[in-house]
Amino acid sequence: MERMTDYLKNWREEMPSWLANYHPGDHVEFSDFMGGRVGYYPGSYFDGCLIKTANRAHCVHAFLYVDYGVTREEVEQELCKENALLGYHSIGRVEWPFEDIMPNGYFHIPSEYAPMIENRLMLVEEGVNPFCIMEVYERNDDKDGTWGAQRLALTYLFADGITAYYELFVNQYEKEPWLFLLQDHGLGGNYNKFGKGGILDEIIQRYDIFPDFVIRDIRSTSMWEGYQPIGGVSAVFDGMHWNARILYQSDKMILRTLPSLNIKEIARQHPRLTEEGVTHNLSEDYLQSLTEEERIRQMKEWTPDECLQYLCSNGTMTIEEFRALGHKLIDEEYDRLGWE
């Protein structure tokens, strides 16, 4: 079995420029923080599993923790601890007023969900004011890249994880979290479950904003539709109760990323002509007339239906067959590059 961190190393991210160029005291726009990959954890409390797993893999540098069950004082105390993140030290802090995060300074939600979500106010300690704090951490000199990224940013947002997902990822930025830690907390303050059948699930399905990867707590949480567990990758054991958590990938990401893995090989094996209802030109002649950069950019814009039309000549490929094709092409590309 491959460790989850080792698997995620296949998806390394370059450090965002705003983070690489950050100096203590600098102002950072919240839109910059949200501009690259984001690791999202609703109902996070102070669980470090998401950061520990992704940071070792260098696949995410910006982490957004959302919880209304802790006070500002508790968060500040936790962030300032000497070993808040083992092997790292804080080099700066940025605080955003809610007006910088939401256009009107507050979260909103589709009206049909409002009555149930309003019940969450019963769970919020009276007199607590919302806050949004980002702490920037830098790796200690006695550690190297095998320990984790040179820098990372952790933002702690006092808010409801469901409304924050709708407002930030659906309504404002229209992008999916790259990595999502999914865990229902039962008596830990959930007014509605994050997993399958809950309001968050409905929002994800309705607005088609699926996190690319999900680390799911298998003891407490049911997985949403539209995801496949990644075979051959071991679980991580973490959290308050040391629960097993396994990695999933969205069907949308499988379809979206496969064309950019080895474009020439895909074009050779699966030529496809433009068909009625297709908005992008899928013809072999057209694709080969582009530079590789242009092909990658265009193919990343394809819809899942277009990807299937291009890759599957008979239109009847199952998701298992599609995943097998993806792994085959990846293996061939590794062989071509001489990677092990």
Protein backbone atom coordinates (compact mmCIF):
# COMPACT_ATOMS: atom_id res chain seq x y z
CA MET A 1 0.00 0.00 0.00
CA GLU A 2 1.19 3.51 -0.84
CA ARG A 3 1.03 6.13 1.88
CA MET A 4 -1.49 8.91 1.30
CA THR A 5 1.20 11.56 1.51
CA ASP A 6 3.33 9.76 -1.09
CA TYR A 7 0.38 9.50 -3.45
CA LEU A 8 -0.40 13.21 -3.11
CA LYS A 9 3.20 14.04 -4.01
CA ASN A 10 2.14 13.28 -7.59
CA TRP A 11 0.13 16.52 -7.40
CA ARG A 12 2.77 18.92 -6.10
CA GLU A 13 1.99 22.64 -6.16
CA GLU A 14 4.51 25.42 -6.55
CA MET A 15 4.38 27.84 -3.66
CA PRO A 16 1.96 30.69 -4.54
CA SER A 17 3.82 33.89 -5.35
CA TRP A 18 2.01 35.92 -2.68
CA LEU A 19 3.22 33.46 -0.04
CA ALA A 20 6.77 33.22 -1.38
CA ASN A 21 7.06 37.03 -1.43
CA TYR A 22 5.41 37.61 1.94
CA HIS A 23 7.27 39.69 4.52
CA PRO A 24 6.18 40.15 8.13
CA GLY A 25 3.71 43.02 8.31
CA ASP A 26 2.63 42.77 4.66
CA HIS A 27 -1.04 43.04 3.83
CA VAL A 28 -2.42 40.11 1.85
CA GLU A 29 -5.70 40.23 -0.02
CA PHE A 30 -8.10 37.45 0.88
CA SER A 31 -8.56 36.87 -2.87
CA ASP A 32 -4.84 36.05 -3.11
CA PHE A 33 -5.20 33.46 -0.38
CA MET A 34 -8.15 31.93 -2.26
CA GLY A 35 -6.46 32.21 -5.65
CA GLY A 36 -4.54 28.94 -5.63
CA ARG A 37 -5.28 25.53 -4.20
CA VAL A 38 -7.15 25.58 -0.92
CA GLY A 39 -7.46 22.85 1.68
CA TYR A 40 -10.85 23.21 3.38
CA TYR A 41 -11.89 21.78 6.74
CA PRO A 42 -15.33 22.67 8.13
CA GLY A 43 -15.83 21.94 11.81
CA SER A 44 -12.07 21.69 12.14
CA TYR A 45 -11.46 22.66 15.77
CA PHE A 46 -7.64 22.23 16.04
CA ASP A 47 -7.27 18.97 14.11
CA GLY A 48 -3.96 19.08 12.24
CA CYS A 49 -4.58 16.07 9.97
CA LEU A 50 -5.34 18.07 6.82
CA ILE A 51 -2.21 20.20 7.13
CA LYS A 52 0.06 17.34 8.12
CA THR A 53 -1.04 15.16 5.21
CA ALA A 54 -1.00 17.80 2.47
CA ASN A 55 2.03 19.75 3.63
CA ARG A 56 4.34 16.74 3.58
CA ALA A 57 3.23 16.19 -0.01
CA HIS A 58 3.75 19.86 -1.01
CA CYS A 59 0.33 19.71 -2.70
CA VAL A 60 -1.44 22.55 -0.84
CA HIS A 61 -0.02 25.68 0.77
CA ALA A 62 -3.21 27.50 1.84
CA PHE A 63 -5.48 25.93 4.44
CA LEU A 64 -8.90 27.26 5.47
CA TYR A 65 -10.23 26.02 8.81
CA VAL A 66 -13.83 26.97 9.60
CA ASP A 67 -15.48 26.51 12.98
CA TYR A 68 -17.87 28.46 15.20
CA GLY A 69 -17.15 26.31 18.24
CA VAL A 70 -14.04 28.15 19.40
CA THR A 71 -13.32 31.68 20.52
CA ARG A 72 -10.82 34.13 19.12
CA GLU A 73 -8.74 33.83 22.29
CA GLU A 74 -8.52 30.05 21.88
CA VAL A 75 -7.45 30.37 18.26
CA GLU A 76 -4.81 33.00 19.00
CA GLN A 77 -3.46 30.93 21.86
CA GLU A 78 -3.23 27.85 19.64
CA LEU A 79 -1.63 29.68 16.71
CA CYS A 80 1.03 31.24 18.93
CA LYS A 81 2.18 28.03 20.59
CA GLU A 82 5.85 27.31 20.05
CA ASN A 83 5.06 23.99 18.38
CA ALA A 84 1.69 24.88 16.90
CA LEU A 85 2.99 23.25 13.72
CA LEU A 86 5.89 20.95 14.47
CA GLY A 87 8.99 22.02 12.57
CA TYR A 88 7.60 25.48 11.75
CA HIS A 89 7.52 28.93 13.28
CA SER A 90 5.19 31.85 12.67
CA ILE A 91 6.54 34.77 10.64
CA GLY A 92 3.41 36.90 10.45
CA ARG A 93 -0.30 37.31 10.84
CA VAL A 94 -3.00 38.92 8.71
CA GLU A 95 -6.51 39.64 9.93
CA TRP A 96 -9.38 40.37 7.58
CA PRO A 97 -12.61 42.12 8.56
CA PHE A 98 -15.67 40.32 7.25
CA GLU A 99 -16.21 43.15 4.74
CA ASP A 100 -13.02 41.98 3.01
CA ILE A 101 -14.28 38.42 2.76
CA MET A 102 -17.96 38.86 1.84
CA PRO A 103 -19.33 41.73 -0.29
CA ASN A 104 -21.91 42.68 2.35
CA GLY A 105 -19.92 41.64 5.37
CA TYR A 106 -22.02 38.56 6.04
CA PHE A 107 -22.67 35.10 4.63
CA HIS A 108 -25.89 34.34 2.82
CA ILE A 109 -27.43 31.05 1.75
CA PRO A 110 -30.23 29.96 -0.62
CA SER A 111 -33.56 30.67 1.07
CA GLU A 112 -34.67 27.02 1.21
CA TYR A 113 -31.79 26.20 3.55
CA ALA A 114 -32.08 29.28 5.76
CA PRO A 115 -34.54 28.02 8.42
CA MET A 116 -32.39 25.02 9.38
CA ILE A 117 -29.12 26.91 9.19
CA GLU A 118 -30.47 29.63 11.47
CA ASN A 119 -30.67 26.96 14.16
CA ARG A 120 -26.89 26.96 14.33
CA LEU A 121 -27.07 30.21 16.31
CA MET A 122 -28.19 28.12 19.28
CA LEU A 123 -24.76 26.48 19.22
CA VAL A 124 -22.72 29.72 19.16
CA GLU A 125 -21.55 31.10 22.47
CA GLU A 126 -23.32 34.37 23.21
CA GLY A 127 -21.25 37.50 22.73
CA VAL A 128 -18.62 35.93 20.45
CA ASN A 129 -17.65 38.20 17.54
CA PRO A 130 -16.72 36.66 14.17
CA PHE A 131 -13.09 36.78 13.11
CA CYS A 132 -10.82 35.68 10.27
CA ILE A 133 -7.12 35.29 11.03
CA MET A 134 -4.33 33.99 8.78
CA GLU A 135 -1.06 32.82 10.27
CA VAL A 136 1.96 32.43 7.96
CA TYR A 137 4.44 29.73 8.93
CA GLU A 138 7.96 29.08 7.72
CA ARG A 139 9.89 25.82 8.01
CA ASN A 140 12.63 25.73 10.65
CA ASP A 141 16.23 25.76 9.45
CA ASP A 142 16.89 22.29 10.82
CA LYS A 143 14.25 20.79 8.49
CA ASP A 144 14.32 20.26 4.73
CA GLY A 145 11.80 19.64 1.96
CA THR A 146 11.15 16.08 3.09
CA TRP A 147 9.53 17.57 6.19
CA GLY A 148 7.17 19.83 4.28
CA ALA A 149 6.84 23.04 2.28
CA GLN A 150 9.09 26.03 2.93
CA ARG A 151 6.02 28.05 3.87
CA LEU A 152 2.31 27.52 4.41
CA ALA A 153 -0.64 29.67 5.45
CA LEU A 154 -3.40 28.69 7.85
CA THR A 155 -6.56 30.80 7.95
CA TYR A 156 -9.02 30.31 10.77
CA LEU A 157 -12.52 31.60 10.03
CA PHE A 158 -15.18 31.83 12.71
CA ALA A 159 -18.21 30.80 10.67
CA ASP A 160 -20.51 27.95 9.76
CA GLY A 161 -18.77 25.47 7.45
CA ILE A 162 -21.84 25.01 5.21
CA THR A 163 -22.64 28.68 4.61
CA ALA A 164 -18.92 29.45 4.23
CA TYR A 165 -18.64 26.79 1.52
CA TYR A 166 -21.60 28.26 -0.37
CA GLU A 167 -20.47 31.86 -0.03
CA LEU A 168 -16.79 31.39 -0.82
CA PHE A 169 -16.53 28.45 -3.21
CA VAL A 170 -19.93 28.59 -4.92
CA ASN A 171 -21.02 32.21 -4.86
CA GLN A 172 -17.85 34.29 -4.90
CA TYR A 173 -14.88 32.37 -6.29
CA GLU A 174 -16.75 29.68 -8.26
CA LYS A 175 -14.01 27.14 -7.61
CA GLU A 176 -13.74 23.88 -5.73
CA PRO A 177 -11.48 23.27 -2.75
CA TRP A 178 -8.55 21.18 -3.95
CA LEU A 179 -8.56 19.09 -0.78
CA PHE A 180 -11.40 18.69 1.72
CA LEU A 181 -11.44 16.93 5.09
CA LEU A 182 -14.91 15.47 5.58
CA GLN A 183 -15.98 14.49 9.07
CA ASP A 184 -19.32 14.72 10.86
CA HIS A 185 -19.04 15.47 14.54
CA GLY A 186 -22.32 14.21 15.99
CA LEU A 187 -22.56 15.76 19.44
CA GLY A 188 -19.62 18.02 18.65
CA GLY A 189 -21.78 20.89 17.38
CA ASN A 190 -23.11 19.85 13.95
CA TYR A 191 -26.64 21.18 13.40
CA ASN A 192 -26.61 19.33 10.06
CA LYS A 193 -24.27 16.68 8.71
CA PHE A 194 -21.49 17.52 6.28
CA GLY A 195 -21.64 14.07 4.65
CA LYS A 196 -24.08 12.39 2.30
CA GLY A 197 -27.69 13.56 2.58
CA GLY A 198 -26.92 16.83 4.37
CA ILE A 199 -27.29 20.43 3.24
CA LEU A 200 -23.66 20.64 2.17
CA ASP A 201 -24.12 17.58 -0.03
CA GLU A 202 -27.17 19.20 -1.64
CA ILE A 203 -25.23 22.40 -2.32
CA ILE A 204 -22.27 20.53 -3.84
CA GLN A 205 -24.53 18.50 -6.13
CA ARG A 206 -26.81 21.39 -7.04
CA TYR A 207 -24.09 23.90 -7.92
CA ASP A 208 -21.60 21.35 -9.30
CA ILE A 209 -18.72 22.51 -7.08
CA PHE A 210 -17.06 19.22 -6.10
CA PRO A 211 -13.80 19.27 -4.09
CA ASP A 212 -11.09 17.57 -6.14
CA PHE A 213 -9.84 15.30 -3.35
CA VAL A 214 -11.59 14.38 -0.11
CA ILE A 215 -10.14 12.81 3.01
CA ARG A 216 -13.15 11.10 4.58
CA ASP A 217 -13.50 9.87 8.13
CA ILE A 218 -14.91 6.39 7.55
CA ARG A 219 -16.27 5.87 11.05
CA SER A 220 -18.57 8.87 11.29
CA THR A 221 -19.27 10.15 7.79
CA SER A 222 -20.97 8.91 4.60
CA MET A 223 -19.35 9.86 1.29
CA TRP A 224 -21.11 12.01 -1.30
CA GLU A 225 -22.06 10.71 -4.73
CA GLY A 226 -19.60 11.47 -7.53
CA TYR A 227 -16.45 10.17 -5.84
CA GLN A 228 -14.22 7.13 -6.08
CA PRO A 229 -11.91 5.82 -3.33
CA ILE A 230 -8.31 5.72 -4.53
CA GLY A 231 -7.21 2.12 -4.48
CA GLY A 232 -3.79 1.12 -3.17
CA VAL A 233 -3.52 4.18 -0.90
CA SER A 234 -3.46 3.53 2.83
CA ALA A 235 -5.64 5.34 5.34
CA VAL A 236 -4.32 7.93 7.77
CA PHE A 237 -5.23 7.69 11.44
CA ASP A 238 -5.72 11.05 13.10
CA GLY A 239 -8.17 13.35 14.85
CA MET A 240 -9.43 13.40 18.40
CA HIS A 241 -10.40 9.72 18.34
CA TRP A 242 -7.60 8.53 16.03
CA ASN A 243 -10.12 7.62 13.33
CA ALA A 244 -9.24 6.02 9.99
CA ARG A 245 -9.53 8.41 7.06
CA ILE A 246 -9.29 7.44 3.40
CA LEU A 247 -8.72 9.41 0.22
CA TYR A 248 -11.27 9.95 -2.54
CA GLN A 249 -11.07 11.68 -5.91
CA SER A 250 -14.01 13.31 -7.67
CA ASP A 251 -15.24 11.88 -10.95
CA LYS A 252 -15.10 15.42 -12.33
CA MET A 253 -11.41 15.72 -11.55
CA ILE A 254 -10.68 12.36 -13.16
CA LEU A 255 -12.34 13.57 -16.35
CA ARG A 256 -10.86 17.06 -16.16
CA THR A 257 -7.22 16.21 -15.54
CA LEU A 258 -6.69 13.12 -17.63
CA PRO A 259 -6.38 14.96 -20.99
CA SER A 260 -3.45 17.07 -19.75
CA LEU A 261 -1.40 14.11 -18.52
CA ASN A 262 -0.13 12.95 -21.90
CA ILE A 263 -1.88 14.80 -24.67
CA LYS A 264 0.01 13.33 -27.62
CA GLU A 265 -0.62 9.76 -26.49
CA ILE A 266 -4.31 10.41 -25.88
CA ALA A 267 -4.66 12.05 -29.27
CA ARG A 268 -2.96 9.10 -30.96
CA GLN A 269 -5.01 6.40 -29.25
CA HIS A 270 -8.37 8.13 -29.10
CA PRO A 271 -8.94 10.48 -32.07
CA ARG A 272 -12.31 12.16 -31.93
CA LEU A 273 -14.11 14.47 -34.37
CA THR A 274 -16.28 17.44 -33.44
CA GLU A 275 -19.87 16.39 -32.87
CA GLU A 276 -23.18 18.15 -32.52
CA GLY A 277 -23.54 19.73 -29.09
CA VAL A 278 -19.80 19.99 -28.45
CA THR A 279 -18.64 23.52 -27.70
CA HIS A 280 -14.90 22.89 -28.18
CA ASN A 281 -13.20 21.61 -31.29
CA LEU A 282 -12.09 18.05 -30.55
CA SER A 283 -10.66 17.17 -33.94
CA GLU A 284 -7.22 15.62 -34.17
CA ASP A 285 -6.02 18.04 -36.88
CA TYR A 286 -7.04 21.06 -34.84
CA LEU A 287 -5.45 19.82 -31.61
CA GLN A 288 -2.17 18.95 -33.32
CA SER A 289 -2.05 22.45 -34.87
CA LEU A 290 -1.79 23.95 -31.37
CA THR A 291 1.23 24.21 -29.15
CA GLU A 292 1.28 21.85 -26.18
CA GLU A 293 0.55 24.77 -23.85
CA GLU A 294 -2.45 25.79 -25.96
CA ARG A 295 -3.75 22.21 -26.04
CA ILE A 296 -3.47 21.86 -22.26
CA ARG A 297 -5.29 25.16 -21.72
CA GLN A 298 -8.12 24.25 -24.07
CA MET A 299 -8.51 20.68 -22.85
CA LYS A 300 -8.74 21.87 -19.25
CA GLU A 301 -11.85 23.79 -20.34
CA TRP A 302 -13.57 20.68 -21.70
CA THR A 303 -16.70 19.48 -19.99
CA PRO A 304 -16.83 15.90 -18.67
CA ASP A 305 -19.05 14.98 -21.66
CA GLU A 306 -16.46 16.34 -24.08
CA CYS A 307 -13.70 14.40 -22.34
CA LEU A 308 -15.70 11.21 -22.65
CA GLN A 309 -16.51 11.89 -26.31
CA TYR A 310 -12.86 12.47 -27.07
CA LEU A 311 -11.49 9.52 -25.11
CA CYS A 312 -14.16 6.90 -25.76
CA SER A 313 -15.11 6.23 -29.36
CA ASN A 314 -18.14 4.06 -28.56
CA GLY A 315 -19.43 6.25 -25.73
CA THR A 316 -19.84 3.37 -23.26
CA MET A 317 -16.75 3.50 -21.04
CA THR A 318 -17.44 2.78 -17.37
CA ILE A 319 -15.76 4.86 -14.67
CA GLU A 320 -13.61 1.85 -13.75
CA GLU A 321 -12.45 1.52 -17.37
CA PHE A 322 -11.83 5.25 -17.50
CA ARG A 323 -9.69 5.16 -14.34
CA ALA A 324 -7.77 2.18 -15.75
CA LEU A 325 -7.06 4.15 -18.92
CA GLY A 326 -5.83 7.07 -16.83
CA HIS A 327 -3.43 4.91 -14.83
CA LYS A 328 -2.20 3.25 -18.03
CA LEU A 329 -1.39 6.60 -19.61
CA ILE A 330 0.31 7.82 -16.43
CA ASP A 331 2.46 4.68 -16.30
CA GLU A 332 3.42 5.10 -19.96
CA GLU A 333 4.34 8.73 -19.36
CA TYR A 334 6.48 7.76 -16.35
CA ASP A 335 8.23 5.15 -18.49
CA ARG A 336 8.83 7.73 -21.22
CA LEU A 337 10.36 10.16 -18.70
CA GLY A 338 12.36 7.44 -16.96
CA TRP A 339 10.60 7.95 -13.64
CA GLU A 340 10.08 5.13 -11.17
